[in-house]
Amino acid sequence: MGLDILAIGAHPDDVELSCSGTLATSVKLGYKVGILDLTEGELGTRGNRAIRLSEAKSAAKILGCVRENLHLPDGGIEISKKDILKLVTVIRKYRPQILLIPHSSERHPDHVRAHHLCREAWYYSGLQKIETKLGGKMQEPWRPKKYFHFMQWHIFTPTFIVDISDSYPTRVQAILAYKSQFYDPASREPRTVLSEKSFLDMLETRAKYYGQLIGVQYGEPFYSVEPVGVSDIFHLKFFGG
């Protein structure tokens, strides 16, 4: 199955928090989209492995995405040959045109390691002499055309911002599918930074801020290590435009 976009996060809910509006918008435009969680988030303070996998499945259904989990250990993502090849196998399976990956500077060590793992797998997936198999068959090399960083905890200056105004309600619904993780006044789980109502408020404020920068209601920021070209300058969105 070929995908247009594959978004990769260290934990279930990372992608929803960072770029689910972009994924929902892309699905509405007719693109094929997928999510890959590197771990099951089993070290999280709230919930457990089974709950988080169930929530991830629900969120993917809301977004209209296919979803897989690489089952790497939470807190134990390594930039090892073994893990690189696992990720290369998935990239070659779905043959995405674009990867969306964590930024290289992040608060959570798993997010940083996830960035570097994705970066290496992106490159090595295109090498003929790196051999992988799926279902007993040799895979053909495939390197996505581009990879873009999404924003998690730390702020960066974006290369571009995606207008997610029409898909914002879907983004919110996908995030709230993770009932174990976020604000629920009836929950008896331990309180965390993410479970405070102020965290959800911050997410909305951030989306509004980046939307305002391009003259729309809501936006999601991305960073590219390479220049991004446009074919029509009048397709750009900007504040006051």
Protein backbone atom coordinates (compact mmCIF):
# COMPACT_ATOMS: atom_id res chain seq x y z
CA MET A 1 0.00 0.00 0.00
CA GLY A 2 1.44 3.34 -1.02
CA LEU A 3 1.02 6.35 1.25
CA ASP A 4 1.41 10.03 0.48
CA ILE A 5 2.33 10.92 4.09
CA LEU A 6 3.68 8.84 6.97
CA ALA A 7 3.85 10.59 10.35
CA ILE A 8 6.15 8.97 12.91
CA GLY A 9 5.97 9.57 16.66
CA ALA A 10 7.83 8.11 19.60
CA HIS A 11 4.63 7.43 21.56
CA PRO A 12 0.92 7.04 20.85
CA ASP A 13 -0.59 10.58 20.91
CA ASP A 14 2.65 12.34 19.84
CA VAL A 15 1.43 12.66 16.26
CA GLU A 16 -2.06 13.77 17.31
CA LEU A 17 -0.64 16.53 19.52
CA SER A 18 1.75 17.75 16.82
CA CYS A 19 0.35 17.37 13.33
CA SER A 20 -3.06 15.68 13.35
CA GLY A 21 -4.69 18.73 11.81
CA THR A 22 -2.35 18.44 8.85
CA LEU A 23 -3.13 14.73 8.53
CA ALA A 24 -6.88 15.31 8.70
CA THR A 25 -6.63 18.08 6.11
CA SER A 26 -4.57 15.84 3.84
CA VAL A 27 -7.14 13.05 4.11
CA LYS A 28 -9.90 15.50 3.17
CA LEU A 29 -7.87 16.45 0.10
CA GLY A 30 -7.76 12.80 -0.96
CA TYR A 31 -4.24 11.88 0.15
CA LYS A 32 -3.41 8.54 1.75
CA VAL A 33 -2.01 9.02 5.23
CA GLY A 34 -0.50 6.77 7.88
CA ILE A 35 0.85 6.97 11.44
CA LEU A 36 3.66 4.92 12.92
CA ASP A 37 4.17 4.86 16.68
CA LEU A 38 7.65 3.68 17.61
CA THR A 39 6.67 2.54 21.15
CA GLU A 40 3.51 1.64 23.02
CA GLY A 41 3.99 4.39 25.58
CA GLU A 42 4.10 1.85 28.39
CA LEU A 43 6.18 4.07 30.69
CA GLY A 44 3.54 6.77 30.78
CA THR A 45 2.29 7.72 34.24
CA ARG A 46 -1.36 7.35 33.24
CA GLY A 47 -3.02 4.44 31.49
CA ASN A 48 -1.24 1.29 30.35
CA ARG A 49 -0.09 -0.45 27.19
CA ALA A 50 -3.50 -1.91 26.28
CA ILE A 51 -5.39 1.32 26.96
CA ARG A 52 -3.00 3.43 24.91
CA LEU A 53 -3.09 1.03 21.96
CA SER A 54 -6.89 1.11 22.03
CA GLU A 55 -6.89 4.91 22.18
CA ALA A 56 -4.42 5.08 19.28
CA LYS A 57 -6.70 2.88 17.20
CA SER A 58 -9.66 5.15 17.92
CA ALA A 59 -7.69 8.28 17.04
CA ALA A 60 -6.54 6.78 13.73
CA LYS A 61 -10.15 6.01 12.83
CA ILE A 62 -11.13 9.61 13.58
CA LEU A 63 -8.32 10.91 11.35
CA GLY A 64 -8.91 8.39 8.57
CA CYS A 65 -5.35 7.01 8.77
CA VAL A 66 -3.78 3.58 8.73
CA ARG A 67 -1.66 2.97 11.82
CA GLU A 68 1.10 0.64 12.99
CA ASN A 69 3.27 0.28 16.05
CA LEU A 70 6.95 -0.70 15.84
CA HIS A 71 6.90 -2.03 19.43
CA LEU A 72 10.23 -0.54 20.43
CA PRO A 73 10.68 -0.19 24.21
CA ASP A 74 9.38 3.05 25.68
CA GLY A 75 12.42 4.83 27.10
CA GLY A 76 14.67 2.53 25.08
CA ILE A 77 14.64 3.82 21.51
CA GLU A 78 18.11 3.22 20.10
CA ILE A 79 19.88 4.36 16.96
CA SER A 80 20.95 0.78 16.34
CA LYS A 81 21.21 -1.19 13.13
CA LYS A 82 18.39 -3.44 14.33
CA ASP A 83 15.96 -0.57 14.99
CA ILE A 84 16.98 1.27 11.82
CA LEU A 85 16.18 -1.81 9.75
CA LYS A 86 12.81 -2.21 11.49
CA LEU A 87 11.91 1.33 10.50
CA VAL A 88 13.35 0.96 7.00
CA THR A 89 11.07 -2.07 6.53
CA VAL A 90 7.98 0.02 7.36
CA ILE A 91 9.07 2.90 5.11
CA ARG A 92 9.59 0.47 2.23
CA LYS A 93 6.24 -1.18 2.96
CA TYR A 94 4.24 2.04 2.68
CA ARG A 95 6.54 3.95 0.28
CA PRO A 96 5.42 7.41 1.48
CA GLN A 97 6.26 10.55 -0.46
CA ILE A 98 6.67 12.61 2.74
CA LEU A 99 7.70 11.77 6.29
CA LEU A 100 6.63 13.91 9.25
CA ILE A 101 9.03 13.34 12.16
CA PRO A 102 9.92 14.82 15.58
CA HIS A 103 12.21 17.84 15.71
CA SER A 104 15.84 17.25 16.66
CA SER A 105 15.70 19.48 19.76
CA GLU A 106 13.18 18.21 22.29
CA ARG A 107 12.44 17.90 26.00
CA HIS A 108 11.79 14.15 25.99
CA PRO A 109 14.86 11.98 25.21
CA ASP A 110 12.67 9.52 23.26
CA HIS A 111 11.62 12.33 20.93
CA VAL A 112 15.23 13.25 20.23
CA ARG A 113 16.20 9.63 19.60
CA ALA A 114 13.11 9.20 17.43
CA HIS A 115 14.25 12.11 15.27
CA HIS A 116 17.68 10.60 14.69
CA LEU A 117 16.26 7.12 14.10
CA CYS A 118 13.84 8.52 11.50
CA ARG A 119 16.57 10.57 9.86
CA GLU A 120 18.86 7.55 9.45
CA ALA A 121 16.07 5.23 8.31
CA TRP A 122 14.95 7.84 5.75
CA TYR A 123 18.39 7.79 4.17
CA TYR A 124 19.16 4.08 4.38
CA SER A 125 15.74 3.09 3.04
CA GLY A 126 16.90 4.34 -0.35
CA LEU A 127 20.07 2.23 -0.55
CA GLN A 128 19.94 -0.85 -2.76
CA LYS A 129 22.52 -2.72 -0.68
CA ILE A 130 20.55 -2.31 2.55
CA GLU A 131 18.42 -5.45 2.39
CA THR A 132 15.09 -5.95 4.17
CA LYS A 133 12.33 -8.50 3.85
CA LEU A 134 8.59 -8.31 4.42
CA GLY A 135 6.46 -11.45 4.36
CA GLY A 136 9.48 -13.44 3.22
CA LYS A 137 10.00 -11.25 0.15
CA MET A 138 12.87 -8.86 -0.51
CA GLN A 139 11.81 -5.23 -0.47
CA GLU A 140 12.70 -2.67 -3.08
CA PRO A 141 14.57 0.43 -1.90
CA TRP A 142 12.46 3.54 -1.33
CA ARG A 143 13.40 6.94 0.02
CA PRO A 144 10.64 9.51 0.67
CA LYS A 145 11.15 12.74 -1.23
CA LYS A 146 11.12 14.94 1.88
CA TYR A 147 10.94 14.80 5.64
CA PHE A 148 9.63 17.66 7.76
CA HIS A 149 9.92 18.19 11.53
CA PHE A 150 6.77 18.72 13.58
CA MET A 151 6.63 20.72 16.82
CA GLN A 152 6.23 19.06 20.21
CA TRP A 153 7.39 20.70 23.45
CA HIS A 154 10.16 23.01 22.26
CA ILE A 155 9.47 25.95 19.98
CA PHE A 156 11.29 26.47 16.68
CA THR A 157 11.02 29.00 13.88
CA PRO A 158 8.88 27.23 11.26
CA THR A 159 9.77 26.92 7.61
CA PHE A 160 6.08 26.76 6.75
CA ILE A 161 2.73 26.59 8.52
CA VAL A 162 -0.21 24.46 7.38
CA ASP A 163 -3.70 25.95 7.54
CA ILE A 164 -5.71 23.43 9.59
CA SER A 165 -8.73 25.65 10.26
CA ASP A 166 -11.27 23.36 8.55
CA SER A 167 -9.83 20.26 10.23
CA TYR A 168 -9.29 21.70 13.70
CA PRO A 169 -12.40 20.01 15.23
CA THR A 170 -11.11 16.66 13.92
CA ARG A 171 -7.71 17.36 15.48
CA VAL A 172 -9.33 18.05 18.84
CA GLN A 173 -11.45 14.91 18.61
CA ALA A 174 -8.37 12.79 17.81
CA ILE A 175 -6.46 14.22 20.78
CA LEU A 176 -9.38 13.63 23.15
CA ALA A 177 -9.51 9.99 22.04
CA TYR A 178 -6.64 9.58 24.52
CA LYS A 179 -8.94 9.76 27.53
CA SER A 180 -6.33 8.26 29.84
CA GLN A 181 -3.77 10.94 29.10
CA PHE A 182 -5.51 14.30 29.07
CA TYR A 183 -7.80 16.40 31.23
CA ASP A 184 -10.60 14.44 32.87
CA PRO A 185 -11.89 15.83 36.20
CA ALA A 186 -13.42 12.44 37.02
CA SER A 187 -10.16 10.52 36.60
CA ARG A 188 -8.43 9.05 39.64
CA GLU A 189 -5.13 8.64 37.78
CA PRO A 190 -2.08 10.62 39.00
CA ARG A 191 -1.98 14.20 37.76
CA THR A 192 0.64 15.11 35.16
CA VAL A 193 1.50 18.21 33.13
CA LEU A 194 -0.43 16.73 30.20
CA SER A 195 -3.54 15.94 32.25
CA GLU A 196 -4.06 19.56 33.34
CA LYS A 197 -6.72 21.56 31.51
CA SER A 198 -4.09 24.24 30.97
CA PHE A 199 -2.23 21.87 28.64
CA LEU A 200 -5.22 21.58 26.30
CA ASP A 201 -5.65 25.35 26.52
CA MET A 202 -2.00 25.78 25.51
CA LEU A 203 -2.48 23.54 22.48
CA GLU A 204 -5.38 25.67 21.29
CA THR A 205 -3.47 28.90 21.90
CA ARG A 206 -0.48 27.57 19.96
CA ALA A 207 -2.65 26.55 17.01
CA LYS A 208 -4.32 29.97 17.01
CA TYR A 209 -0.94 31.74 17.19
CA TYR A 210 0.52 29.91 14.22
CA GLY A 211 -2.72 30.32 12.34
CA GLN A 212 -2.67 34.07 12.94
CA LEU A 213 0.85 34.28 11.52
CA ILE A 214 -0.53 33.20 8.14
CA GLY A 215 -3.88 34.95 8.41
CA VAL A 216 -6.07 31.93 9.23
CA GLN A 217 -7.78 30.64 12.36
CA TYR A 218 -5.55 27.65 13.16
CA GLY A 219 -2.16 26.46 11.95
CA GLU A 220 0.47 23.76 12.52
CA PRO A 221 4.18 24.64 12.15
CA PHE A 222 6.85 22.55 10.43
CA TYR A 223 10.59 22.85 9.90
CA SER A 224 12.54 21.77 6.83
CA VAL A 225 16.31 21.39 6.64
CA GLU A 226 16.09 22.16 2.93
CA PRO A 227 14.40 25.04 1.09
CA VAL A 228 10.75 24.54 0.20
CA GLY A 229 9.72 25.73 -3.27
CA VAL A 230 6.38 26.93 -4.58
CA SER A 231 5.11 27.02 -8.15
CA ASP A 232 2.69 29.91 -7.64
CA ILE A 233 3.57 32.74 -5.25
CA PHE A 234 -0.12 33.65 -4.98
CA HIS A 235 -0.84 30.33 -3.25
CA LEU A 236 1.05 31.54 -0.20
CA LYS A 237 -0.90 32.55 2.90
CA PHE A 238 0.28 35.37 5.12
CA PHE A 239 -1.00 37.66 7.84
CA GLY A 240 -3.25 40.33 6.34
CA GLY A 241 -3.18 38.63 2.94
